[in-house]
Amino acid sequence: MNQKTISKEFSIEGIGLHTGKYAKVVFKPGAEKTGIKFIRIDLEEPAEISANLRFVKSTIRGTTLEKNGVYIHTVEHVLSAIMGLEIDNIIIELDGPELPILDGSAKEYFALLKSAGIINQEADKDYFVIRDKIEFIDEITGSEYLALPSDQLSITTLIDFDSEYLGSQYAHLNNLSEYELEISSARTFVFLRELEELHDAGLIKGGKLENAIVIADKLMEKSKLENLAKKLNYACIDIDSIGVVNGKKLRFANEPARHKLLDILGDLSLIGKPIKGKIIANRPGHTSNIKFAKLLKQKYQEQKRLKNKPNYDPNKEAILDVIGIQKYLPHRYPLLLVDKIIELTDTIVVGIKNITFNEAFFMGHFPNNPIFPGVLQMEALAQTGGILALSSQSDPGEWDTYFLKMNNVKFKRMVIPGDTLILKMELLSPIRRGIVHMQGTAYVGNTIVSEGELTAQIVKRT
């Protein structure tokens, strides 16, 4: 699928839930591969903040982004609508610190985005495809998350409050095509007992009974209701038979569970990639959503790094065995560190090194805890790269390769006897004047154990 943006600009205005500040928001088409960007234009110098996990500053009653001291509050509802429409690139300009709360749902954002027209762009979508089960439990909040493989995004949320009126509920989104009718209009909710605490904490300055569902989960004395109504500038606060304040009608019997799903979708958009997978969330909240999103992003980055991992089939005949390798390289035991070559093209070479306990260096290198030296991992990569470099020569046995430098070398996991190193070297630029610049990556199984940029020179053997 292609990336998407909106076809034309539009605007919306309203008050922020927590800051009480009024803001005008302008939505503009975004260039492909640029993602979702917020821009505060009310400042002396416009400030841009990408919708990205690294800019999440607070998750207290909403998700707040911050960069260089500039804040944008309550981004989750608009991000949820954007994700519900599968929009990848968009610019959101606002002249205040917070997105308008509107009616407490994503319904109006969704409707305006949809009416602006959704258009395809040239670039392909880069999905995070969940390939294995991912579990997360937030020990602090008790929230539980599970992600499973699926060919499309689906989400299930379960909530359970110790309340006479709001007990156990669940909501389910089979796919994003259901978002408009089933999720977008679900409003945020709050318990009546929380209002005074939130008010006194300087939050919900723009909160009204019109932009949230207020639920009385416990009985309150009439005098307390009167005092709360006075503090919130309401003539009175009445509680109906299902615990909803001032006669507001629920749009769905499980509207709170649906809104939790709406929030999850908005918070997960901060990963920066659309998701293909089945997600189940038990007792979710913004804080735990963001922790789970960070875990998913970590898994995505690991998956991306392994995307080009070579496939090693030990039953497949090698391109070069150790005898063939010795026709290219001058190295011999104990410093010949490549056992066979399984792939060789104009730009990529892949070698295999089986680590055994009878390697000579194990006698003196952590003898009671044998570890394959990191510098020898780089040497093994260099020798593998030497095969590619020398294969371009008409008489490869007459040339050698010598290290010039190593950059950005990282060792990520110990390599021990019994491991099989998969050594991949890829040209970063064409070979010129005998200079070979390559990216080296060493794997054990699906784990990157070391990597680095290696530069060598092809020199005539004397």
Protein backbone atom coordinates (compact mmCIF):
# COMPACT_ATOMS: atom_id res chain seq x y z
CA MET A 1 0.00 0.00 0.00
CA ASN A 2 1.04 3.57 -0.64
CA GLN A 3 1.49 6.28 1.96
CA LYS A 4 -1.39 8.74 2.31
CA THR A 5 -2.03 12.38 3.11
CA ILE A 6 -4.97 14.78 2.83
CA SER A 7 -5.71 16.52 -0.46
CA LYS A 8 -6.50 19.99 0.86
CA GLU A 9 -6.07 22.27 3.86
CA PHE A 10 -8.77 22.83 6.49
CA SER A 11 -9.08 24.22 10.02
CA ILE A 12 -10.94 23.71 13.28
CA GLU A 13 -11.15 25.71 16.52
CA GLY A 14 -11.88 24.92 20.13
CA ILE A 15 -10.81 24.92 23.76
CA GLY A 16 -8.21 22.62 25.28
CA LEU A 17 -9.39 20.21 27.98
CA HIS A 18 -6.61 20.76 30.52
CA THR A 19 -5.13 24.19 29.73
CA GLY A 20 -8.47 25.85 28.98
CA LYS A 21 -6.68 27.68 26.15
CA TYR A 22 -8.47 28.36 22.90
CA ALA A 23 -6.67 27.24 19.73
CA LYS A 24 -7.17 27.27 16.00
CA VAL A 25 -5.77 24.20 14.29
CA VAL A 26 -4.91 24.07 10.58
CA PHE A 27 -4.35 20.71 8.87
CA LYS A 28 -2.18 20.67 5.75
CA PRO A 29 -1.00 17.94 3.37
CA GLY A 30 2.36 16.46 4.32
CA ALA A 31 5.13 15.34 1.98
CA GLU A 32 5.74 11.61 1.74
CA LYS A 33 8.06 10.03 4.31
CA THR A 34 7.74 13.07 6.62
CA GLY A 35 5.22 11.61 9.07
CA ILE A 36 2.89 13.54 11.38
CA LYS A 37 4.22 16.94 12.44
CA PHE A 38 2.78 19.47 14.89
CA ILE A 39 3.84 23.12 14.56
CA ARG A 40 3.20 25.74 17.26
CA ILE A 41 2.79 28.98 15.28
CA ASP A 42 1.84 31.17 18.24
CA LEU A 43 5.45 31.49 19.36
CA GLU A 44 8.08 34.03 18.34
CA GLU A 45 9.79 31.24 16.43
CA PRO A 46 7.47 28.49 15.13
CA ALA A 47 8.30 25.20 16.86
CA GLU A 48 7.94 21.82 15.15
CA ILE A 49 7.39 18.61 17.10
CA SER A 50 7.07 15.26 15.35
CA ALA A 51 4.50 12.78 16.59
CA ASN A 52 7.16 10.51 18.01
CA LEU A 53 7.61 8.58 21.25
CA ARG A 54 10.86 10.34 22.05
CA PHE A 55 8.97 13.60 22.55
CA VAL A 56 6.38 12.24 25.02
CA LYS A 57 6.72 14.34 28.16
CA SER A 58 3.65 13.48 30.21
CA THR A 59 0.83 10.92 30.26
CA ILE A 60 -1.25 12.41 33.07
CA ARG A 61 -4.89 12.28 31.88
CA GLY A 62 -3.68 12.53 28.29
CA THR A 63 -0.55 12.42 26.13
CA THR A 64 1.67 15.50 26.00
CA LEU A 65 4.57 16.11 23.62
CA GLU A 66 7.48 18.43 24.44
CA LYS A 67 10.58 19.61 22.60
CA ASN A 68 12.98 22.33 23.73
CA GLY A 69 10.50 23.60 26.31
CA VAL A 70 7.56 23.77 23.87
CA TYR A 71 4.51 21.70 24.79
CA ILE A 72 1.55 20.29 22.88
CA HIS A 73 -1.08 18.73 25.12
CA THR A 74 -3.75 16.08 24.53
CA VAL A 75 -2.64 14.83 21.12
CA GLU A 76 -4.15 11.34 21.37
CA HIS A 77 -7.62 12.04 19.91
CA VAL A 78 -6.46 13.72 16.72
CA LEU A 79 -3.72 11.09 16.29
CA SER A 80 -6.32 8.36 16.70
CA ALA A 81 -8.45 9.87 13.93
CA ILE A 82 -5.39 10.16 11.68
CA MET A 83 -4.49 6.53 12.31
CA GLY A 84 -8.11 5.48 11.78
CA LEU A 85 -7.90 6.94 8.27
CA GLU A 86 -4.45 5.39 7.70
CA ILE A 87 -2.90 8.80 7.02
CA ASP A 88 0.90 8.72 7.11
CA ASN A 89 1.96 12.30 6.43
CA ILE A 90 0.26 15.48 7.63
CA ILE A 91 1.13 18.90 9.06
CA ILE A 92 -0.89 20.18 12.03
CA GLU A 93 -0.41 23.88 12.82
CA LEU A 94 -1.92 25.28 16.03
CA ASP A 95 -1.80 28.66 17.73
CA GLY A 96 -2.07 27.32 21.26
CA PRO A 97 -0.60 24.72 23.61
CA GLU A 98 -3.36 22.11 23.33
CA LEU A 99 -5.56 20.41 20.74
CA PRO A 100 -9.26 21.26 21.13
CA ILE A 101 -11.17 18.65 23.11
CA LEU A 102 -14.37 19.21 21.06
CA ASP A 103 -16.96 16.68 22.31
CA GLY A 104 -14.34 14.45 23.97
CA SER A 105 -14.12 12.00 21.06
CA ALA A 106 -12.33 11.87 17.69
CA LYS A 107 -15.56 12.08 15.69
CA GLU A 108 -15.21 15.64 14.40
CA TYR A 109 -11.50 15.28 13.66
CA PHE A 110 -12.22 12.12 11.69
CA ALA A 111 -15.09 13.71 9.73
CA LEU A 112 -13.08 16.78 8.73
CA LEU A 113 -10.03 14.75 7.75
CA LYS A 114 -12.19 12.45 5.66
CA SER A 115 -13.99 15.34 3.95
CA ALA A 116 -10.61 16.92 3.09
CA GLY A 117 -9.99 13.89 0.89
CA ILE A 118 -7.41 11.15 1.40
CA ILE A 119 -4.92 10.73 -1.45
CA ASN A 120 -2.22 8.19 -2.20
CA GLN A 121 1.42 9.20 -2.47
CA GLU A 122 4.29 7.58 -4.36
CA ALA A 123 6.14 6.05 -1.40
CA ASP A 124 5.18 2.65 -0.03
CA LYS A 125 3.95 2.26 3.55
CA ASP A 126 6.54 0.84 5.92
CA TYR A 127 4.57 -1.46 8.21
CA PHE A 128 5.64 -2.87 11.53
CA VAL A 129 4.52 -6.45 11.05
CA ILE A 130 4.23 -8.32 14.33
CA ARG A 131 5.79 -11.73 13.63
CA ASP A 132 6.02 -13.19 17.15
CA LYS A 133 4.04 -12.92 20.36
CA ILE A 134 4.95 -9.80 22.37
CA GLU A 135 3.80 -9.53 25.98
CA PHE A 136 4.04 -6.58 28.35
CA ILE A 137 2.86 -6.10 31.94
CA ASP A 138 3.17 -2.72 33.62
CA GLU A 139 4.00 -3.67 37.20
CA ILE A 140 3.08 -0.20 38.43
CA THR A 141 -0.37 0.17 36.88
CA GLY A 142 -1.26 -3.49 36.44
CA SER A 143 -2.01 -2.95 32.74
CA GLU A 144 -1.42 -5.98 30.50
CA TYR A 145 -0.78 -6.04 26.76
CA LEU A 146 -0.42 -8.79 24.20
CA ALA A 147 0.51 -8.44 20.51
CA LEU A 148 0.07 -11.36 18.12
CA PRO A 149 0.74 -11.87 14.40
CA SER A 150 -2.08 -10.87 12.03
CA ASP A 151 -2.34 -9.63 8.44
CA GLN A 152 -4.15 -6.48 9.59
CA LEU A 153 -4.48 -4.31 12.69
CA SER A 154 -7.13 -5.33 15.20
CA ILE A 155 -7.45 -4.18 18.80
CA THR A 156 -9.37 -5.47 21.81
CA THR A 157 -9.58 -3.50 25.05
CA LEU A 158 -10.85 -4.74 28.41
CA ILE A 159 -11.56 -2.51 31.39
CA ASP A 160 -12.60 -3.40 34.92
CA PHE A 161 -13.37 -0.73 37.51
CA ASP A 162 -14.47 -1.28 41.08
CA SER A 163 -17.67 0.59 40.46
CA GLU A 164 -21.35 -0.07 40.99
CA TYR A 165 -22.12 1.50 37.62
CA LEU A 166 -19.02 0.87 35.51
CA GLY A 167 -17.76 -2.68 35.94
CA SER A 168 -16.18 -4.93 33.34
CA GLN A 169 -16.42 -3.93 29.69
CA TYR A 170 -14.64 -4.77 26.47
CA ALA A 171 -14.48 -3.30 22.98
CA HIS A 172 -13.13 -4.74 19.74
CA LEU A 173 -11.98 -3.27 16.43
CA ASN A 174 -11.66 -5.93 13.74
CA ASN A 175 -9.99 -3.60 11.25
CA LEU A 176 -9.59 0.10 10.61
CA SER A 177 -12.57 0.21 8.23
CA GLU A 178 -14.79 -0.08 11.34
CA TYR A 179 -13.18 2.88 13.11
CA GLU A 180 -15.56 5.60 11.90
CA LEU A 181 -18.79 3.94 13.06
CA GLU A 182 -17.56 1.92 16.02
CA ILE A 183 -14.80 3.95 17.70
CA SER A 184 -14.44 7.58 16.53
CA SER A 185 -17.48 8.90 18.46
CA ALA A 186 -16.61 7.27 21.81
CA ARG A 187 -16.05 10.07 24.33
CA THR A 188 -13.52 10.40 27.10
CA PHE A 189 -14.84 9.64 30.57
CA VAL A 190 -14.01 10.57 34.12
CA PHE A 191 -15.34 9.59 37.53
CA LEU A 192 -17.23 12.21 39.44
CA ARG A 193 -15.02 11.71 42.50
CA GLU A 194 -11.96 12.64 40.37
CA LEU A 195 -13.26 16.00 39.19
CA GLU A 196 -12.45 17.97 42.30
CA GLU A 197 -8.95 16.46 42.49
CA LEU A 198 -8.30 17.22 38.81
CA HIS A 199 -9.66 20.75 39.19
CA ASP A 200 -7.50 21.44 42.23
CA ALA A 201 -4.44 20.07 40.39
CA GLY A 202 -4.83 22.73 37.72
CA LEU A 203 -6.16 20.31 35.11
CA ILE A 204 -9.47 20.19 33.18
CA LYS A 205 -9.57 24.02 32.99
CA GLY A 206 -11.46 23.59 29.74
CA GLY A 207 -13.42 20.59 30.94
CA LYS A 208 -17.20 20.72 30.79
CA LEU A 209 -19.92 18.14 31.22
CA GLU A 210 -20.47 18.62 27.46
CA ASN A 211 -17.04 17.29 26.45
CA ALA A 212 -16.78 14.19 28.64
CA ILE A 213 -18.87 11.46 30.17
CA VAL A 214 -18.88 11.91 33.94
CA ILE A 215 -19.71 8.76 35.86
CA ALA A 216 -20.67 8.63 39.53
CA ASP A 217 -19.10 5.33 40.51
CA LYS A 218 -19.86 5.82 44.19
CA LEU A 219 -22.63 7.55 46.07
CA MET A 220 -21.93 11.17 47.09
CA GLU A 221 -23.67 13.18 49.75
CA LYS A 222 -25.93 15.94 48.46
CA SER A 223 -23.81 18.63 50.15
CA LYS A 224 -20.68 17.37 48.36
CA LEU A 225 -22.50 17.38 45.03
CA GLU A 226 -23.60 20.98 45.64
CA ASN A 227 -20.08 22.09 46.56
CA LEU A 228 -18.63 20.36 43.49
CA ALA A 229 -21.24 21.92 41.20
CA LYS A 230 -20.38 25.35 42.59
CA LYS A 231 -16.65 24.78 42.04
CA LEU A 232 -17.27 23.68 38.46
CA ASN A 233 -19.73 26.51 37.76
CA TYR A 234 -22.78 24.26 37.32
CA ALA A 235 -26.21 24.94 38.73
CA CYS A 236 -26.49 21.36 39.88
CA ILE A 237 -25.16 17.86 39.38
CA ASP A 238 -27.69 15.07 38.99
CA ILE A 239 -26.98 11.35 38.74
CA ASP A 240 -29.20 9.06 36.68
CA SER A 241 -29.94 5.38 37.20
CA ILE A 242 -26.84 4.19 35.34
CA GLY A 243 -24.51 6.59 37.11
CA VAL A 244 -24.07 9.13 34.29
CA VAL A 245 -24.14 12.76 35.42
CA ASN A 246 -26.71 15.31 34.26
CA GLY A 247 -28.70 13.00 32.02
CA LYS A 248 -26.09 12.56 29.30
CA LYS A 249 -26.92 9.61 27.09
CA LEU A 250 -24.25 7.05 26.28
CA ARG A 251 -23.59 6.51 22.58
CA PHE A 252 -22.73 2.87 23.27
CA ALA A 253 -23.35 0.69 26.30
CA ASN A 254 -19.57 0.10 26.38
CA GLU A 255 -18.54 3.63 25.40
CA PRO A 256 -15.74 3.85 28.03
CA ALA A 257 -14.11 0.65 26.70
CA ARG A 258 -14.40 1.99 23.15
CA HIS A 259 -12.76 5.25 24.17
CA LYS A 260 -9.87 3.32 25.73
CA LEU A 261 -9.44 1.67 22.32
CA LEU A 262 -9.51 5.10 20.67
CA ASP A 263 -6.75 6.27 23.02
CA ILE A 264 -4.58 3.21 22.37
CA LEU A 265 -4.75 3.81 18.64
CA GLY A 266 -3.63 7.43 19.13
CA ASP A 267 -0.81 6.52 21.49
CA LEU A 268 0.47 3.70 19.26
CA SER A 269 0.64 6.12 16.32
CA LEU A 270 3.66 7.64 18.09
CA ILE A 271 5.65 4.57 17.02
CA GLY A 272 5.71 6.29 13.63
CA LYS A 273 4.77 3.16 11.66
CA PRO A 274 1.42 1.55 10.82
CA ILE A 275 1.00 -1.82 12.50
CA LYS A 276 -0.11 -5.20 11.24
CA GLY A 277 -0.98 -7.31 14.26
CA LYS A 278 -3.61 -8.23 16.81
CA ILE A 279 -3.37 -6.24 20.05
CA ILE A 280 -5.18 -7.10 23.28
CA ALA A 281 -5.04 -4.59 26.14
CA ASN A 282 -6.34 -5.22 29.65
CA ARG A 283 -6.90 -2.12 31.83
CA PRO A 284 -4.96 0.21 29.49
CA GLY A 285 -4.05 3.81 30.25
CA HIS A 286 -1.89 6.47 28.62
CA THR A 287 1.17 5.77 30.77
CA SER A 288 1.10 2.05 30.05
CA ASN A 289 0.16 2.62 26.40
CA ILE A 290 3.35 4.61 25.91
CA LYS A 291 5.49 2.00 27.67
CA PHE A 292 3.97 -0.69 25.45
CA ALA A 293 4.49 1.48 22.36
CA LYS A 294 8.17 1.88 23.26
CA LEU A 295 8.51 -1.90 23.50
CA LEU A 296 6.86 -2.31 20.10
CA LYS A 297 9.16 0.30 18.58
CA GLN A 298 12.16 -1.52 20.01
CA LYS A 299 10.89 -4.74 18.41
CA TYR A 300 10.35 -2.91 15.11
CA GLN A 301 13.89 -1.57 15.14
CA GLU A 302 15.25 -5.04 15.88
CA GLN A 303 13.13 -6.47 13.08
CA LYS A 304 14.33 -3.79 10.67
CA ARG A 305 17.94 -4.50 11.50
CA LEU A 306 17.37 -8.20 10.84
CA LYS A 307 15.41 -7.55 7.65
CA ASN A 308 18.47 -8.16 5.51
CA LYS A 309 19.90 -10.94 7.65
CA PRO A 310 21.31 -13.71 5.43
CA ASN A 311 19.53 -17.02 5.36
CA TYR A 312 21.99 -19.77 6.31
CA ASP A 313 21.10 -23.28 5.23
CA PRO A 314 23.85 -25.65 6.44
CA ASN A 315 22.65 -28.27 3.96
CA LYS A 316 23.28 -26.01 0.99
CA GLU A 317 26.60 -26.36 -0.81
CA ALA A 318 29.05 -23.55 -0.07
CA ILE A 319 30.33 -21.23 -2.79
CA LEU A 320 33.81 -21.52 -1.25
CA ASP A 321 34.94 -24.04 1.36
CA VAL A 322 37.98 -23.50 3.54
CA ILE A 323 40.29 -24.85 0.80
CA GLY A 324 38.83 -22.39 -1.70
CA ILE A 325 39.11 -19.54 0.80
CA GLN A 326 42.85 -20.20 1.23
CA LYS A 327 43.30 -19.54 -2.48
CA TYR A 328 42.16 -15.95 -1.84
CA LEU A 329 43.46 -15.21 1.66
CA PRO A 330 46.99 -15.60 3.04
CA HIS A 331 45.68 -16.42 6.53
CA ARG A 332 46.23 -19.84 8.06
CA TYR A 333 45.54 -21.52 11.41
CA PRO A 334 45.09 -20.15 13.99
CA LEU A 335 44.10 -16.88 12.29
CA LEU A 336 42.01 -18.07 9.38
CA LEU A 337 38.59 -17.07 10.78
CA VAL A 338 36.24 -17.97 7.93
CA ASP A 339 35.12 -21.56 7.33
CA LYS A 340 33.06 -21.08 4.18
CA ILE A 341 31.43 -18.52 1.91
CA ILE A 342 27.70 -19.02 1.30
CA GLU A 343 26.91 -15.88 -0.77
CA LEU A 344 29.01 -13.76 -3.11
CA THR A 345 27.77 -10.99 -5.42
CA ASP A 346 29.25 -7.76 -6.74
CA THR A 347 28.30 -5.94 -3.53
CA ILE A 348 27.65 -8.53 -0.80
CA VAL A 349 29.54 -11.46 0.67
CA VAL A 350 28.43 -13.76 3.47
CA GLY A 351 30.75 -16.06 5.39
CA ILE A 352 30.36 -18.60 8.17
CA LYS A 353 32.59 -19.14 11.20
CA ASN A 354 31.86 -22.03 13.56
CA ILE A 355 33.10 -21.27 17.07
CA THR A 356 34.62 -24.28 18.83
CA PHE A 357 36.27 -24.59 22.23
CA ASN A 358 39.57 -25.75 20.71
CA GLU A 359 40.26 -22.29 19.21
CA ALA A 360 43.82 -21.38 20.21
CA PHE A 361 42.89 -18.04 21.84
CA PHE A 362 40.48 -19.61 24.34
CA MET A 363 43.51 -20.90 26.29
CA GLY A 364 44.33 -17.37 27.40
CA HIS A 365 41.19 -15.30 26.75
CA PHE A 366 38.91 -15.75 29.77
CA PRO A 367 39.93 -19.44 30.02
CA ASN A 368 37.25 -20.24 32.62
CA ASN A 369 34.61 -18.27 30.73
CA PRO A 370 35.47 -18.62 27.03
CA ILE A 371 34.48 -15.57 24.97
CA PHE A 372 35.28 -15.03 21.31
CA PRO A 373 37.26 -11.74 21.27
CA GLY A 374 35.47 -8.77 19.74
CA VAL A 375 38.54 -7.70 17.77
CA LEU A 376 38.63 -11.15 16.18
CA GLN A 377 34.98 -10.74 15.20
CA MET A 378 36.06 -7.65 13.28
CA GLU A 379 38.97 -9.64 11.81
CA ALA A 380 36.56 -12.39 10.72
CA LEU A 381 34.35 -9.78 9.05
CA ALA A 382 37.38 -8.22 7.37
CA GLN A 383 38.54 -11.58 6.02
CA THR A 384 35.04 -12.21 4.68
CA GLY A 385 35.07 -8.78 3.04
CA GLY A 386 38.50 -9.58 1.61
CA ILE A 387 36.95 -12.39 -0.42
CA LEU A 388 34.61 -9.89 -2.10
CA ALA A 389 37.39 -7.35 -2.66
CA LEU A 390 39.82 -9.89 -4.12
CA SER A 391 37.19 -11.62 -6.26
CA SER A 392 37.18 -8.48 -8.42
CA GLN A 393 40.86 -9.04 -9.30
CA SER A 394 41.83 -11.18 -12.27
CA ASP A 395 44.54 -12.90 -10.19
CA PRO A 396 43.13 -12.75 -6.62
CA GLY A 397 45.87 -14.90 -5.12
CA GLU A 398 48.42 -12.16 -5.90
CA TRP A 399 46.75 -9.49 -3.75
CA ASP A 400 46.06 -8.87 -0.04
CA THR A 401 43.75 -6.52 1.85
CA TYR A 402 44.92 -4.45 4.82
CA PHE A 403 42.87 -2.55 7.41
CA LEU A 404 42.86 1.23 7.13
CA LYS A 405 40.26 2.03 9.77
CA MET A 406 37.16 0.91 11.65
CA ASN A 407 34.26 3.23 12.50
CA ASN A 408 31.09 2.88 14.59
CA VAL A 409 32.09 -0.54 15.87
CA LYS A 410 29.65 -2.00 18.40
CA PHE A 411 29.67 -5.28 20.30
CA LYS A 412 26.19 -6.29 21.36
CA ARG A 413 26.38 -9.83 22.70
CA MET A 414 29.06 -12.27 23.81
CA VAL A 415 30.01 -15.00 21.34
CA ILE A 416 30.87 -18.34 22.94
CA PRO A 417 31.84 -21.88 21.88
CA GLY A 418 28.99 -23.58 20.05
CA ASP A 419 27.87 -20.39 18.30
CA THR A 420 27.83 -20.09 14.53
CA LEU A 421 28.79 -16.64 13.30
CA ILE A 422 27.11 -15.41 10.14
CA LEU A 423 29.42 -12.74 8.70
CA LYS A 424 27.86 -10.28 6.26
CA MET A 425 29.87 -7.60 4.47
CA GLU A 426 28.25 -5.12 2.09
CA LEU A 427 29.93 -2.44 -0.02
CA LEU A 428 28.99 1.08 1.04
CA SER A 429 30.58 2.61 -2.06
CA PRO A 430 32.23 1.29 -5.23
CA ILE A 431 35.85 0.15 -4.92
CA ARG A 432 38.10 2.98 -6.12
CA ARG A 433 41.89 3.06 -6.20
CA GLY A 434 41.90 -0.16 -4.24
CA ILE A 435 39.97 1.35 -1.28
CA VAL A 436 37.18 -0.90 0.01
CA HIS A 437 34.55 0.64 2.32
CA MET A 438 32.09 -1.91 3.73
CA GLN A 439 29.44 -2.33 6.40
CA GLY A 440 30.00 -5.45 8.45
CA THR A 441 27.39 -7.23 10.55
CA ALA A 442 27.91 -10.44 12.52
CA TYR A 443 24.91 -12.52 13.58
CA VAL A 444 24.36 -15.49 15.86
CA GLY A 445 20.90 -16.80 15.05
CA ASN A 446 18.58 -13.77 14.85
CA THR A 447 20.80 -11.63 17.08
CA ILE A 448 23.29 -9.05 15.87
CA VAL A 449 26.40 -9.65 17.96
CA SER A 450 28.70 -7.02 16.42
CA GLU A 451 28.79 -4.49 13.62
CA GLY A 452 30.95 -1.74 12.21
CA GLU A 453 32.16 0.13 9.14
CA LEU A 454 35.44 -1.33 7.90
CA THR A 455 37.79 0.25 5.40
CA ALA A 456 40.67 -1.64 3.81
CA GLN A 457 43.07 -1.29 0.90
CA ILE A 458 43.88 -3.86 -1.77
CA VAL A 459 47.66 -4.18 -2.01
CA LYS A 460 49.81 -6.25 -4.39
CA ARG A 461 51.35 -9.17 -2.52
CA THR A 462 55.15 -9.16 -2.35
